[in-house]
Amino acid sequence: MTEPPVPSNDNGPMKAPPATFEFLVQTMFTQALMAFGKIPNPITKESLKNLDTARHFIDMLEMLEKKTTGNLANDEKKLLEEILHQLRMTFMDEQPS
């Protein structure tokens, strides 16, 4: 069986980022920001707001926080807490007055 080709750019083969807790949390954070319409989708270049999807990413991060209680390094715990705080505040700001 042959291996699939490795994606490349002008600088040679692209490598996947390391599989870390921080990268997972940052990825979910970025997805939530896209769902809030705060950053454009990198593929479509469009900013679309979908609060249900944003709430889903907050819920996923909250579940991750609960499931990892007592098992995170201090910097990982702080990162998750800060991201959840920022996303919760953004969600509240998006609610109609």
N, C-alpha and C. Protein backbone atom coordinates (compact mmCIF):
# COMPACT_ATOMS: atom_id res chain seq x y z
N MET A 1 0.85 -1.17 0.00
CA MET A 1 0.00 0.00 0.00
C MET A 1 0.89 1.23 0.00
N THR A 2 0.60 2.20 -0.86
CA THR A 2 1.42 3.40 -0.95
C THR A 2 0.86 4.48 -0.03
N GLU A 3 1.77 5.31 0.44
CA GLU A 3 1.39 6.43 1.32
C GLU A 3 0.81 7.55 0.47
N PRO A 4 -0.21 8.28 1.00
CA PRO A 4 -0.74 9.42 0.26
C PRO A 4 0.32 10.51 0.19
N PRO A 5 0.26 11.36 -0.83
CA PRO A 5 1.25 12.42 -0.94
C PRO A 5 1.13 13.40 0.22
N VAL A 6 2.26 13.94 0.64
CA VAL A 6 2.29 14.94 1.71
C VAL A 6 2.03 16.30 1.08
N PRO A 7 1.05 17.07 1.63
CA PRO A 7 0.81 18.41 1.09
C PRO A 7 2.09 19.23 1.18
N SER A 8 2.28 20.10 0.21
CA SER A 8 3.48 20.94 0.24
C SER A 8 3.13 22.36 -0.14
N ASN A 9 4.08 23.23 0.15
CA ASN A 9 3.98 24.63 -0.28
C ASN A 9 5.30 24.98 -0.93
N ASP A 10 5.56 26.24 -1.15
CA ASP A 10 6.79 26.65 -1.82
C ASP A 10 8.04 26.31 -1.02
N ASN A 11 7.89 26.06 0.27
CA ASN A 11 9.03 25.77 1.12
C ASN A 11 9.23 24.28 1.34
N GLY A 12 8.53 23.44 0.61
CA GLY A 12 8.66 22.00 0.78
C GLY A 12 7.43 21.42 1.46
N PRO A 13 7.54 20.16 1.91
CA PRO A 13 6.39 19.50 2.53
C PRO A 13 5.93 20.22 3.79
N MET A 14 4.60 20.34 3.96
CA MET A 14 4.03 20.93 5.16
C MET A 14 3.92 19.83 6.22
N LYS A 15 4.28 20.16 7.43
CA LYS A 15 4.18 19.21 8.52
C LYS A 15 2.99 19.59 9.39
N ALA A 16 2.33 18.58 9.91
CA ALA A 16 1.22 18.83 10.82
C ALA A 16 1.77 19.40 12.13
N PRO A 17 1.00 20.27 12.77
CA PRO A 17 1.45 20.79 14.06
C PRO A 17 1.47 19.66 15.09
N PRO A 18 2.18 19.86 16.18
CA PRO A 18 2.23 18.81 17.20
C PRO A 18 0.85 18.58 17.82
N ALA A 19 0.57 17.36 18.17
CA ALA A 19 -0.71 17.00 18.79
C ALA A 19 -0.60 17.28 20.29
N THR A 20 -0.94 18.50 20.68
CA THR A 20 -0.85 18.90 22.08
C THR A 20 -2.21 19.36 22.58
N PHE A 21 -2.36 19.39 23.88
CA PHE A 21 -3.58 19.89 24.49
C PHE A 21 -3.80 21.35 24.09
N GLU A 22 -2.73 22.13 24.12
CA GLU A 22 -2.83 23.54 23.75
C GLU A 22 -3.33 23.71 22.32
N PHE A 23 -2.82 22.90 21.41
CA PHE A 23 -3.25 23.01 20.02
C PHE A 23 -4.73 22.65 19.88
N LEU A 24 -5.18 21.63 20.59
CA LEU A 24 -6.59 21.25 20.56
C LEU A 24 -7.47 22.39 21.06
N VAL A 25 -7.12 22.98 22.18
CA VAL A 25 -7.91 24.08 22.75
C VAL A 25 -7.89 25.29 21.81
N GLN A 26 -6.73 25.61 21.27
CA GLN A 26 -6.62 26.75 20.35
C GLN A 26 -7.44 26.51 19.08
N THR A 27 -7.48 25.28 18.61
CA THR A 27 -8.27 24.96 17.43
C THR A 27 -9.76 25.18 17.70
N MET A 28 -10.23 24.71 18.84
CA MET A 28 -11.65 24.91 19.19
C MET A 28 -11.96 26.40 19.39
N PHE A 29 -11.01 27.12 19.97
CA PHE A 29 -11.16 28.56 20.16
C PHE A 29 -11.31 29.27 18.81
N THR A 30 -10.45 28.91 17.88
CA THR A 30 -10.51 29.50 16.54
C THR A 30 -11.83 29.19 15.86
N GLN A 31 -12.30 27.95 15.99
CA GLN A 31 -13.59 27.56 15.40
C GLN A 31 -14.73 28.37 16.02
N ALA A 32 -14.68 28.58 17.33
CA ALA A 32 -15.70 29.37 18.00
C ALA A 32 -15.66 30.82 17.51
N LEU A 33 -14.48 31.39 17.36
CA LEU A 33 -14.37 32.76 16.86
C LEU A 33 -14.93 32.88 15.45
N MET A 34 -14.70 31.86 14.63
CA MET A 34 -15.30 31.86 13.28
C MET A 34 -16.82 31.82 13.38
N ALA A 35 -17.34 31.01 14.31
CA ALA A 35 -18.79 30.91 14.47
C ALA A 35 -19.39 32.21 14.99
N PHE A 36 -18.62 32.97 15.76
CA PHE A 36 -19.08 34.29 16.20
C PHE A 36 -18.98 35.34 15.09
N GLY A 37 -18.35 34.98 13.98
CA GLY A 37 -18.16 35.93 12.89
C GLY A 37 -17.03 36.91 13.16
N LYS A 38 -16.18 36.58 14.13
CA LYS A 38 -15.08 37.48 14.51
C LYS A 38 -13.88 37.35 13.59
N ILE A 39 -13.71 36.18 13.00
CA ILE A 39 -12.63 35.98 12.03
C ILE A 39 -13.22 35.24 10.83
N PRO A 40 -12.69 35.52 9.64
CA PRO A 40 -13.24 34.86 8.45
C PRO A 40 -12.80 33.40 8.35
N ASN A 41 -13.63 32.64 7.70
CA ASN A 41 -13.28 31.25 7.39
C ASN A 41 -12.08 31.30 6.44
N PRO A 42 -11.00 30.58 6.75
CA PRO A 42 -9.80 30.68 5.90
C PRO A 42 -9.99 30.11 4.50
N ILE A 43 -11.00 29.28 4.30
CA ILE A 43 -11.25 28.70 2.98
C ILE A 43 -12.14 29.60 2.15
N THR A 44 -13.27 30.04 2.74
CA THR A 44 -14.23 30.86 1.99
C THR A 44 -13.94 32.34 2.07
N LYS A 45 -13.14 32.74 3.04
CA LYS A 45 -12.81 34.16 3.30
C LYS A 45 -14.04 34.95 3.75
N GLU A 46 -15.10 34.26 4.14
CA GLU A 46 -16.33 34.91 4.60
C GLU A 46 -16.43 34.82 6.11
N SER A 47 -17.02 35.86 6.71
CA SER A 47 -17.32 35.85 8.14
C SER A 47 -18.82 35.65 8.29
N LEU A 48 -19.20 34.52 8.85
CA LEU A 48 -20.60 34.20 9.06
C LEU A 48 -20.85 33.95 10.53
N LYS A 49 -21.95 34.48 11.06
CA LYS A 49 -22.27 34.31 12.46
C LYS A 49 -23.26 33.16 12.63
N ASN A 50 -22.91 32.23 13.52
CA ASN A 50 -23.79 31.11 13.86
C ASN A 50 -23.62 30.87 15.35
N LEU A 51 -24.50 31.49 16.15
CA LEU A 51 -24.37 31.43 17.60
C LEU A 51 -24.58 30.02 18.15
N ASP A 52 -25.40 29.21 17.48
CA ASP A 52 -25.58 27.83 17.93
C ASP A 52 -24.27 27.05 17.83
N THR A 53 -23.54 27.27 16.75
CA THR A 53 -22.25 26.60 16.58
C THR A 53 -21.24 27.13 17.58
N ALA A 54 -21.24 28.44 17.81
CA ALA A 54 -20.34 29.02 18.82
C ALA A 54 -20.62 28.41 20.18
N ARG A 55 -21.90 28.29 20.54
CA ARG A 55 -22.29 27.69 21.83
C ARG A 55 -21.82 26.24 21.90
N HIS A 56 -21.89 25.54 20.79
CA HIS A 56 -21.43 24.14 20.74
C HIS A 56 -19.94 24.04 21.08
N PHE A 57 -19.14 24.94 20.54
CA PHE A 57 -17.70 24.90 20.84
C PHE A 57 -17.44 25.27 22.30
N ILE A 58 -18.20 26.19 22.86
CA ILE A 58 -18.08 26.51 24.29
C ILE A 58 -18.43 25.28 25.11
N ASP A 59 -19.52 24.62 24.75
CA ASP A 59 -19.93 23.40 25.46
C ASP A 59 -18.86 22.32 25.38
N MET A 60 -18.24 22.18 24.22
CA MET A 60 -17.18 21.17 24.06
C MET A 60 -15.98 21.50 24.95
N LEU A 61 -15.61 22.76 25.01
CA LEU A 61 -14.49 23.16 25.86
C LEU A 61 -14.83 23.00 27.34
N GLU A 62 -16.08 23.27 27.71
CA GLU A 62 -16.51 23.05 29.09
C GLU A 62 -16.45 21.56 29.45
N MET A 63 -16.87 20.71 28.54
CA MET A 63 -16.79 19.26 28.76
C MET A 63 -15.33 18.84 28.92
N LEU A 64 -14.46 19.38 28.08
CA LEU A 64 -13.04 19.07 28.16
C LEU A 64 -12.47 19.51 29.51
N GLU A 65 -12.90 20.68 29.98
CA GLU A 65 -12.46 21.18 31.28
C GLU A 65 -12.88 20.23 32.40
N LYS A 66 -14.13 19.77 32.37
CA LYS A 66 -14.62 18.85 33.40
C LYS A 66 -13.90 17.51 33.35
N LYS A 67 -13.71 16.98 32.15
CA LYS A 67 -13.10 15.66 32.00
C LYS A 67 -11.61 15.64 32.34
N THR A 68 -10.96 16.80 32.29
CA THR A 68 -9.52 16.85 32.55
C THR A 68 -9.19 17.44 33.91
N THR A 69 -10.20 17.71 34.74
CA THR A 69 -9.96 18.29 36.06
C THR A 69 -8.95 17.45 36.83
N GLY A 70 -7.92 18.13 37.33
CA GLY A 70 -6.88 17.45 38.10
C GLY A 70 -5.79 16.80 37.27
N ASN A 71 -5.92 16.85 35.95
CA ASN A 71 -4.94 16.19 35.08
C ASN A 71 -4.17 17.14 34.17
N LEU A 72 -4.35 18.44 34.35
CA LEU A 72 -3.69 19.40 33.47
C LEU A 72 -2.53 20.08 34.19
N ALA A 73 -1.53 20.45 33.41
CA ALA A 73 -0.46 21.29 33.92
C ALA A 73 -1.06 22.69 34.17
N ASN A 74 -0.42 23.46 35.02
CA ASN A 74 -0.96 24.79 35.36
C ASN A 74 -1.17 25.66 34.13
N ASP A 75 -0.21 25.64 33.19
CA ASP A 75 -0.35 26.48 32.00
C ASP A 75 -1.51 26.01 31.11
N GLU A 76 -1.75 24.70 31.05
CA GLU A 76 -2.87 24.18 30.27
C GLU A 76 -4.20 24.58 30.91
N LYS A 77 -4.27 24.47 32.23
CA LYS A 77 -5.49 24.84 32.96
C LYS A 77 -5.79 26.33 32.78
N LYS A 78 -4.76 27.15 32.90
CA LYS A 78 -4.93 28.60 32.75
C LYS A 78 -5.40 28.95 31.34
N LEU A 79 -4.79 28.32 30.34
CA LEU A 79 -5.18 28.57 28.95
C LEU A 79 -6.66 28.25 28.75
N LEU A 80 -7.09 27.09 29.21
CA LEU A 80 -8.47 26.68 29.05
C LEU A 80 -9.42 27.63 29.78
N GLU A 81 -9.09 28.01 31.00
CA GLU A 81 -9.92 28.94 31.77
C GLU A 81 -10.05 30.29 31.06
N GLU A 82 -8.93 30.81 30.56
CA GLU A 82 -8.95 32.12 29.91
C GLU A 82 -9.74 32.08 28.61
N ILE A 83 -9.57 31.03 27.84
CA ILE A 83 -10.31 30.91 26.58
C ILE A 83 -11.80 30.77 26.85
N LEU A 84 -12.17 29.95 27.82
CA LEU A 84 -13.59 29.81 28.15
C LEU A 84 -14.17 31.13 28.64
N HIS A 85 -13.44 31.86 29.44
CA HIS A 85 -13.93 33.16 29.90
C HIS A 85 -14.17 34.10 28.72
N GLN A 86 -13.20 34.18 27.84
CA GLN A 86 -13.33 35.07 26.68
C GLN A 86 -14.52 34.66 25.81
N LEU A 87 -14.69 33.37 25.56
CA LEU A 87 -15.80 32.92 24.72
C LEU A 87 -17.15 33.15 25.40
N ARG A 88 -17.22 32.92 26.70
CA ARG A 88 -18.48 33.18 27.41
C ARG A 88 -18.86 34.65 27.36
N MET A 89 -17.88 35.53 27.54
CA MET A 89 -18.15 36.97 27.48
C MET A 89 -18.59 37.37 26.07
N THR A 90 -17.95 36.82 25.08
CA THR A 90 -18.34 37.11 23.69
C THR A 90 -19.76 36.61 23.43
N PHE A 91 -20.10 35.42 23.93
CA PHE A 91 -21.45 34.90 23.76
C PHE A 91 -22.47 35.81 24.42
N MET A 92 -22.18 36.29 25.60
CA MET A 92 -23.11 37.20 26.29
C MET A 92 -23.27 38.51 25.52
N ASP A 93 -22.15 39.02 24.99
CA ASP A 93 -22.21 40.26 24.20
C ASP A 93 -23.06 40.11 22.95
N GLU A 94 -23.15 38.90 22.42
CA GLU A 94 -23.89 38.65 21.18
C GLU A 94 -25.40 38.48 21.41
N GLN A 95 -25.80 38.37 22.68
CA GLN A 95 -27.22 38.19 22.97
C GLN A 95 -27.97 39.50 22.79
N PRO A 96 -29.21 39.44 22.28
CA PRO A 96 -29.98 40.66 22.10
C PRO A 96 -30.26 41.33 23.46
N SER A 97 -30.27 42.63 23.43
CA SER A 97 -30.53 43.40 24.68
C SER A 97 -31.97 43.40 25.06
